[in-house]
């Protein structure tokens, strides 16, 4: 059977890992979406810049002469000067089309040759050439995915005669995305470890350690050794458990004391009390009858009637100014426990408190029973 510590550790690990995976997935999707949007925005901006550069460098309209594409008086077919210049400025790939055919481009095929004479995809051709719309987004360019921007080229009469393209390989953005995810994974792992270590510390410090302390003290009680109260400052369920244990110890101490004080009681006689007797009957101090017992009403949390009657009986019998230490030693309870009961009796008007001042140190409280 797994221990509570192991169960809590496994739970913390599983929850932390699930949260880390969910966080990284959400961030990864957001980064991917943002990178694609940034790529499209860049391509659109670069296209506007490139068109301005072409108009300044080659004044005049776009036109087709004898099956060749011209800009003004400059033949564009196999003229790579302008596309190379635009590519060097923007970092994009750049292509000029006559119809759907590449006539000048920076894109190269697998053999290293420029992809002149190759065609655009049908999706792009339909959107730009047939419908006269710009195409922005992912497209296949010579067998490779690119984030692209396509724009129609018009002649003097407003006819669409070709296309202008700028774009960047999707591999580039995939690499950026991978690097971002790698950084996020590193941060996620670091945060996961911090949460894990912090959870382990919290579990060990505030759950496991107090439970082990209570378990150890319980084993002492079962072996016949009445232990001192467990000091746990928690205000949660663990603290309530410790308080209940302390009340049980006080109750056992009170019963043990009263049984030992009973006239003629011996150890065998004391042991003859059954569990039912201890559960259903309150052992009264020094043969005190139930009729003589004080009626305290509902006691504050943490106090029990047996211990209260035990301390009260001792005060009645002594009839003098007694310190907490003297009372605790006689009734076999801790000073902390005795002080709590005396404070309650003082509020109820059953004891009087006097302060005894010495030459040095704190004043000593002396308690006297009030009839």
Protein backbone atom coordinates (compact mmCIF):
# COMPACT_ATOMS: atom_id res chain seq x y z
CA UNK A 1 0.00 0.00 0.00
CA UNK A 2 1.31 3.42 -0.92
CA UNK A 3 1.92 5.87 1.90
CA UNK A 4 0.05 9.17 2.13
CA UNK A 5 3.27 10.97 1.20
CA UNK A 6 3.60 8.88 -1.98
CA UNK A 7 -0.05 9.42 -2.89
CA UNK A 8 0.20 13.18 -2.42
CA UNK A 9 3.49 13.26 -4.36
CA UNK A 10 1.97 11.34 -7.28
CA UNK A 11 -1.08 13.62 -7.25
CA UNK A 12 1.10 16.74 -7.27
CA UNK A 13 3.28 15.37 -10.09
CA UNK A 14 0.29 14.41 -12.25
CA UNK A 15 -1.54 17.70 -11.71
CA UNK A 16 1.63 19.72 -12.33
CA UNK A 17 2.42 17.83 -15.54
CA UNK A 18 -1.13 18.20 -16.84
CA UNK A 19 -1.09 21.92 -16.11
CA UNK A 20 2.33 22.27 -17.76
CA UNK A 21 1.22 20.40 -20.90
CA UNK A 22 -2.00 22.43 -21.14
CA UNK A 23 -0.08 25.67 -20.64
CA UNK A 24 2.53 24.80 -23.28
CA UNK A 25 -0.14 23.66 -25.75
CA UNK A 26 -2.12 26.86 -25.34
CA UNK A 27 0.99 29.03 -25.62
CA UNK A 28 2.23 27.04 -28.62
CA UNK A 29 -1.04 27.49 -30.50
CA UNK A 30 -1.04 31.20 -29.69
CA UNK A 31 2.56 31.60 -30.86
CA UNK A 32 1.79 29.72 -34.08
CA UNK A 33 -1.24 31.88 -34.77
CA UNK A 34 0.69 35.06 -34.00
CA UNK A 35 3.65 34.04 -36.17
CA UNK A 36 1.40 33.26 -39.15
CA UNK A 37 -0.36 36.60 -38.77
CA UNK A 38 2.98 38.38 -38.49
CA UNK A 39 4.23 36.61 -41.64
CA UNK A 40 1.16 37.62 -43.65
CA UNK A 41 1.36 41.20 -42.40
CA UNK A 42 5.04 41.36 -43.33
CA UNK A 43 4.39 39.90 -46.79
CA UNK A 44 1.65 42.43 -47.47
CA UNK A 45 3.84 45.32 -46.31
CA UNK A 46 6.82 44.07 -48.32
CA UNK A 47 4.65 43.80 -51.44
CA UNK A 48 3.61 47.45 -51.19
CA UNK A 49 7.27 48.45 -50.76
CA UNK A 50 8.36 46.28 -53.70
CA UNK A 51 5.73 47.74 -56.04
CA UNK A 52 6.91 51.24 -55.21
CA UNK A 53 10.54 50.25 -55.90
CA UNK A 54 9.60 48.70 -59.27
CA UNK A 55 7.62 51.79 -60.32
CA UNK A 56 10.54 54.04 -59.41
CA UNK A 57 13.15 51.86 -61.09
CA UNK A 58 11.10 50.96 -64.18
CA UNK A 59 8.60 53.76 -64.99
CA UNK A 60 5.73 52.93 -67.29
CA UNK A 61 2.84 50.50 -67.47
CA UNK A 62 2.91 46.72 -67.35
CA UNK A 63 2.40 45.25 -70.83
CA UNK A 64 2.82 42.11 -72.89
CA UNK A 65 4.84 42.32 -76.12
CA UNK A 66 5.32 39.24 -78.33
CA UNK A 67 4.63 36.92 -75.40
CA UNK A 68 7.07 38.69 -73.04
CA UNK A 69 6.33 40.71 -69.92
CA UNK A 70 7.50 44.34 -69.92
CA UNK A 71 7.51 47.12 -67.36
CA UNK A 72 7.68 50.31 -69.34
CA UNK A 73 10.45 49.65 -71.85
CA UNK A 74 12.24 47.03 -69.72
CA UNK A 75 11.81 43.36 -70.52
CA UNK A 76 11.13 41.39 -67.33
CA UNK A 77 11.54 37.83 -68.62
CA UNK A 78 14.82 36.40 -67.26
CA UNK A 79 15.66 39.83 -65.83
CA UNK A 80 16.64 38.97 -62.26
CA UNK A 81 18.05 42.33 -61.21
CA UNK A 82 14.84 43.73 -59.72
CA UNK A 83 13.70 40.54 -57.95
CA UNK A 84 17.17 40.01 -56.44
CA UNK A 85 17.24 43.61 -55.25
CA UNK A 86 13.81 43.35 -53.61
CA UNK A 87 14.79 40.03 -52.01
CA UNK A 88 17.96 41.55 -50.56
CA UNK A 89 15.96 44.43 -49.03
CA UNK A 90 13.09 42.43 -47.55
CA UNK A 91 14.52 38.97 -46.98
CA UNK A 92 11.60 37.54 -48.96
CA UNK A 93 11.49 35.44 -52.07
CA UNK A 94 10.17 37.46 -55.02
CA UNK A 95 8.56 36.47 -58.34
CA UNK A 96 7.00 38.18 -61.36
CA UNK A 97 4.47 36.15 -63.38
CA UNK A 98 3.18 36.39 -66.92
CA UNK A 99 -0.20 34.82 -66.48
CA UNK A 100 0.48 31.94 -64.09
CA UNK A 101 4.04 31.36 -65.37
CA UNK A 102 7.14 32.55 -63.53
CA UNK A 103 9.28 34.74 -65.80
CA UNK A 104 11.58 36.27 -63.15
CA UNK A 105 12.11 34.81 -59.68
CA UNK A 106 14.49 34.30 -56.80
CA UNK A 107 13.02 30.89 -56.03
CA UNK A 108 15.21 27.97 -57.01
CA UNK A 109 14.38 24.37 -57.83
CA UNK A 110 15.99 21.34 -56.25
CA UNK A 111 18.73 21.39 -58.93
CA UNK A 112 19.72 24.95 -57.93
CA UNK A 113 18.31 26.57 -61.07
CA UNK A 114 15.83 29.45 -60.87
CA UNK A 115 12.25 28.24 -61.14
CA UNK A 116 11.56 30.19 -64.36
CA UNK A 117 8.82 28.58 -66.48
CA UNK A 118 7.10 26.92 -63.52
CA UNK A 119 3.50 27.73 -62.63
CA UNK A 120 1.61 28.95 -59.60
CA UNK A 121 -0.90 26.74 -57.83
CA UNK A 122 -4.45 26.56 -59.19
CA UNK A 123 -5.83 28.07 -55.98
CA UNK A 124 -3.64 31.16 -56.36
CA UNK A 125 -4.30 31.49 -60.10
CA UNK A 126 -8.06 31.33 -59.58
CA UNK A 127 -8.04 33.93 -56.80
CA UNK A 128 -5.66 36.42 -58.44
CA UNK A 129 -5.95 35.94 -62.20
CA UNK A 130 -9.60 34.92 -62.45
CA UNK A 131 -11.11 36.98 -59.63
CA UNK A 132 -8.63 39.88 -59.49
CA UNK A 133 -8.12 39.58 -55.74
CA UNK A 134 -4.99 39.62 -53.63
CA UNK A 135 -4.05 36.27 -52.13
CA UNK A 136 -2.63 36.33 -48.61
CA UNK A 137 -1.70 33.20 -46.70
CA UNK A 138 -0.04 29.84 -47.04
CA UNK A 139 0.58 28.53 -50.54
CA UNK A 140 2.69 25.86 -52.20
CA UNK A 141 5.59 27.29 -54.17
CA UNK A 142 7.63 24.81 -56.24
CA UNK A 143 6.70 21.98 -53.87
CA UNK A 144 7.40 23.92 -50.67
CA UNK A 145 5.07 25.73 -48.29
CA UNK A 146 5.41 29.53 -48.08
CA UNK A 147 3.62 32.36 -46.31
CA UNK A 148 2.76 34.46 -49.34
CA UNK A 149 1.24 37.61 -50.80
CA UNK A 150 0.11 37.64 -54.46
CA UNK A 151 -1.19 40.70 -56.31
CA UNK A 152 -2.53 41.00 -59.90
CA UNK A 153 -0.60 42.98 -62.55
CA UNK A 154 -2.76 45.19 -64.80
CA UNK A 155 -1.93 46.59 -68.25
CA UNK A 156 -2.97 50.03 -69.50
CA UNK A 157 -6.46 48.80 -70.43
CA UNK A 158 -7.05 47.29 -66.97
CA UNK A 159 -6.62 43.69 -68.06
CA UNK A 160 -4.92 41.26 -65.68
CA UNK A 161 -1.78 40.03 -67.43
CA UNK A 162 0.22 38.54 -64.59
CA UNK A 163 1.00 38.44 -60.87
CA UNK A 164 3.52 39.80 -58.43
CA UNK A 165 4.58 37.64 -55.47
CA UNK A 166 6.59 38.00 -52.29
CA UNK A 167 6.80 35.38 -49.56
CA UNK A 168 8.92 33.60 -47.02
CA UNK A 169 9.45 29.88 -46.58
CA UNK A 170 7.29 28.25 -43.95
CA UNK A 171 10.40 26.44 -42.77
CA UNK A 172 11.73 29.74 -41.49
CA UNK A 173 8.66 30.39 -39.35
CA UNK A 174 8.53 26.76 -38.26
CA UNK A 175 12.09 27.12 -36.99
CA UNK A 176 11.16 30.30 -35.13
CA UNK A 177 8.11 28.55 -33.70
CA UNK A 178 10.23 25.57 -32.66
CA UNK A 179 12.74 27.84 -30.92
CA UNK A 180 9.93 29.68 -29.12
CA UNK A 181 8.35 26.40 -28.02
CA UNK A 182 11.74 25.14 -26.87
CA UNK A 183 12.18 28.23 -24.71
CA UNK A 184 8.64 27.85 -23.39
CA UNK A 185 9.31 24.18 -22.65
CA UNK A 186 12.41 25.12 -20.68
CA UNK A 187 10.46 27.72 -18.72
CA UNK A 188 7.60 25.26 -18.24
CA UNK A 189 9.93 22.56 -16.93
CA UNK A 190 11.58 25.05 -14.57
CA UNK A 191 8.20 26.23 -13.25
CA UNK A 192 7.01 22.62 -12.95
CA UNK A 193 10.06 21.74 -10.87
CA UNK A 194 9.55 24.80 -8.67
CA UNK A 195 5.89 23.94 -8.11
CA UNK A 196 6.81 20.30 -7.48
CA UNK A 197 9.53 21.12 -4.96
CA UNK A 198 7.32 23.71 -3.27
CA UNK A 199 4.42 21.26 -3.06
CA UNK A 200 6.67 18.56 -1.63
CA UNK A 201 7.99 20.96 1.01
CA UNK A 202 4.50 22.12 1.91
CA UNK A 203 3.20 18.54 2.07
CA UNK A 204 6.13 17.35 4.18
CA UNK A 205 6.13 20.39 6.48
CA UNK A 206 2.43 20.91 7.09
CA UNK A 207 0.83 17.49 6.49
CA UNK A 208 3.22 14.53 6.71
CA UNK A 209 5.36 15.77 9.62
CA UNK A 210 2.39 16.66 11.89
CA UNK A 211 0.69 13.35 11.07
CA UNK A 212 3.87 11.42 11.89
CA UNK A 213 4.13 13.32 15.18
CA UNK A 214 0.54 12.47 16.10
CA UNK A 215 1.09 8.83 15.06
CA UNK A 216 4.21 8.55 17.21
CA UNK A 217 2.45 10.03 20.24
CA UNK A 218 -0.54 7.75 19.68
CA UNK A 219 1.77 4.72 19.70
CA UNK A 220 3.19 5.94 23.02
CA UNK A 221 -0.31 6.14 24.48
CA UNK A 222 -1.22 2.64 23.28
CA UNK A 223 1.97 1.30 24.87
CA UNK A 224 0.99 2.80 28.24
CA UNK A 225 3.10 5.96 28.16
CA UNK A 226 0.98 9.07 28.58
CA UNK A 227 2.64 11.65 26.39
CA UNK A 228 2.76 15.42 26.57
CA UNK A 229 0.35 17.38 24.34
CA UNK A 230 1.22 17.58 20.66
CA UNK A 231 2.19 21.15 19.78
CA UNK A 232 0.90 21.86 16.26
CA UNK A 233 0.09 25.44 15.34
CA UNK A 234 -1.99 24.67 12.23
CA UNK A 235 -5.54 25.99 12.16
CA UNK A 236 -6.67 23.44 9.56
CA UNK A 237 -7.90 19.85 9.86
CA UNK A 238 -4.44 18.68 10.99
CA UNK A 239 -4.56 21.16 13.86
CA UNK A 240 -8.06 19.97 14.79
CA UNK A 241 -6.81 16.39 14.78
CA UNK A 242 -3.94 17.34 17.09
CA UNK A 243 -6.33 19.19 19.39
CA UNK A 244 -8.63 16.15 19.54
CA UNK A 245 -5.64 13.95 20.34
CA UNK A 246 -4.59 16.31 23.14
CA UNK A 247 -8.10 16.20 24.57
CA UNK A 248 -7.99 12.41 24.50
CA UNK A 249 -4.63 12.42 26.30
CA UNK A 250 -6.00 14.83 28.92
CA UNK A 251 -9.03 12.61 29.41
CA UNK A 252 -6.86 9.52 29.86
CA UNK A 253 -4.60 11.42 32.26
CA UNK A 254 -7.60 12.56 34.28
CA UNK A 255 -9.07 9.07 34.44
CA UNK A 256 -5.75 7.56 35.40
CA UNK A 257 -5.26 10.12 38.14
CA UNK A 258 -8.74 9.73 39.58
CA UNK A 259 -8.63 5.94 39.49
CA UNK A 260 -5.30 6.03 41.33
CA UNK A 261 -6.79 8.42 43.92
CA UNK A 262 -9.95 6.38 44.48
CA UNK A 263 -10.04 5.04 48.04
CA UNK A 264 -8.78 1.47 48.09
CA UNK A 265 -8.22 1.36 44.31
CA UNK A 266 -5.32 -0.72 43.17
CA UNK A 267 -3.89 -1.08 39.70
CA UNK A 268 -5.82 -4.28 38.98
CA UNK A 269 -8.98 -2.54 40.16
CA UNK A 270 -8.25 0.44 37.97
CA UNK A 271 -7.73 -1.83 35.01
CA UNK A 272 -11.07 -3.48 35.67
CA UNK A 273 -12.93 -0.54 34.17
CA UNK A 274 -14.44 -1.60 30.89
CA UNK A 275 -14.49 0.53 27.77
CA UNK A 276 -18.20 0.95 28.30
CA UNK A 277 -17.57 2.27 31.81
CA UNK A 278 -15.08 4.81 30.52
CA UNK A 279 -17.36 5.82 27.72
CA UNK A 280 -20.60 6.13 29.67
CA UNK A 281 -19.49 7.10 33.17
CA UNK A 282 -17.54 10.11 34.39
CA UNK A 283 -15.07 9.23 37.17
CA UNK A 284 -15.51 11.84 39.87
CA UNK A 285 -12.59 13.10 41.96
CA UNK A 286 -12.09 11.80 45.51
CA UNK A 287 -15.41 9.98 45.63
CA UNK A 288 -17.28 13.13 44.67
CA UNK A 289 -20.92 12.36 44.04
CA UNK A 290 -22.75 13.40 40.92
CA UNK A 291 -24.92 15.62 43.07
CA UNK A 292 -21.82 17.56 44.24
CA UNK A 293 -20.46 17.95 40.75
CA UNK A 294 -20.25 21.48 39.36
CA UNK A 295 -22.63 22.33 36.51
CA UNK A 296 -20.53 24.22 33.99
CA UNK A 297 -22.97 24.15 31.13
CA UNK A 298 -21.42 23.84 27.67
CA UNK A 299 -17.64 23.89 27.95
CA UNK A 300 -15.44 25.80 25.49
CA UNK A 301 -13.85 23.83 22.71
CA UNK A 302 -10.77 21.95 23.91
CA UNK A 303 -11.92 21.52 27.54
CA UNK A 304 -13.48 18.40 29.02
CA UNK A 305 -15.47 17.96 32.23
CA UNK A 306 -13.34 15.17 33.73
CA UNK A 307 -10.18 17.28 33.70
CA UNK A 308 -12.09 20.33 34.90
CA UNK A 309 -13.53 18.43 37.89
CA UNK A 310 -10.10 16.98 38.64
CA UNK A 311 -8.46 20.41 38.89
CA UNK A 312 -11.40 21.87 40.80
CA UNK A 313 -11.29 19.00 43.33
CA UNK A 314 -7.61 19.59 43.95
CA UNK A 315 -8.18 23.31 44.53
CA UNK A 316 -11.01 22.59 46.96
CA UNK A 317 -8.88 20.17 48.98
CA UNK A 318 -5.83 22.41 49.18
CA UNK A 319 -7.57 25.69 50.04
CA UNK A 320 -4.63 27.97 49.47
CA UNK A 321 -2.77 30.13 46.99
CA UNK A 322 -1.41 27.74 44.39
CA UNK A 323 0.70 28.35 41.30
CA UNK A 324 0.15 26.72 37.92
CA UNK A 325 3.33 24.66 38.37
CA UNK A 326 2.15 23.26 41.72
CA UNK A 327 -1.26 22.32 40.36
CA UNK A 328 0.17 20.79 37.16
CA UNK A 329 2.65 18.67 39.10
CA UNK A 330 -0.02 17.31 41.44
CA UNK A 331 -2.70 16.50 38.85
CA UNK A 332 -0.14 15.19 36.33
CA UNK A 333 -1.04 17.57 33.52
CA UNK A 334 1.02 20.06 31.57
CA UNK A 335 1.19 23.66 32.70
CA UNK A 336 -0.30 24.79 29.39
CA UNK A 337 -3.31 22.54 29.90
CA UNK A 338 -3.80 23.55 33.55
CA UNK A 339 -3.54 27.25 32.69
CA UNK A 340 -6.36 26.91 30.12
CA UNK A 341 -8.68 25.38 32.70
CA UNK A 342 -7.76 27.94 35.36
CA UNK A 343 -8.47 30.79 32.94
CA UNK A 344 -11.90 29.30 32.31
CA UNK A 345 -12.57 28.94 36.06
CA UNK A 346 -11.52 32.55 36.60
CA UNK A 347 -14.04 33.72 33.99
CA UNK A 348 -16.71 31.64 35.74
CA UNK A 349 -15.85 33.19 39.13
CA UNK A 350 -14.70 29.91 40.69
CA UNK A 351 -11.11 30.94 41.36
CA UNK A 352 -9.41 34.16 42.43
CA UNK A 353 -6.08 35.24 40.95
CA UNK A 354 -3.45 37.16 42.89
CA UNK A 355 -0.16 38.45 41.51
CA UNK A 356 2.97 37.75 43.55
CA UNK A 357 5.81 40.07 42.62
CA UNK A 358 9.42 39.09 43.21
CA UNK A 359 12.62 41.15 43.03
CA UNK A 360 13.23 40.11 39.43
CA UNK A 361 11.39 38.41 36.60
CA UNK A 362 7.72 38.20 35.75
CA UNK A 363 5.06 38.20 38.50
CA UNK A 364 3.70 34.83 39.59
CA UNK A 365 -0.02 34.12 39.39
CA UNK A 366 -1.50 32.38 42.44
CA UNK A 367 -4.94 30.77 42.28
CA UNK A 368 -7.39 30.34 45.18
CA UNK A 369 -10.67 28.40 45.12
CA UNK A 370 -13.79 30.51 45.75
CA UNK A 371 -16.64 28.76 47.51
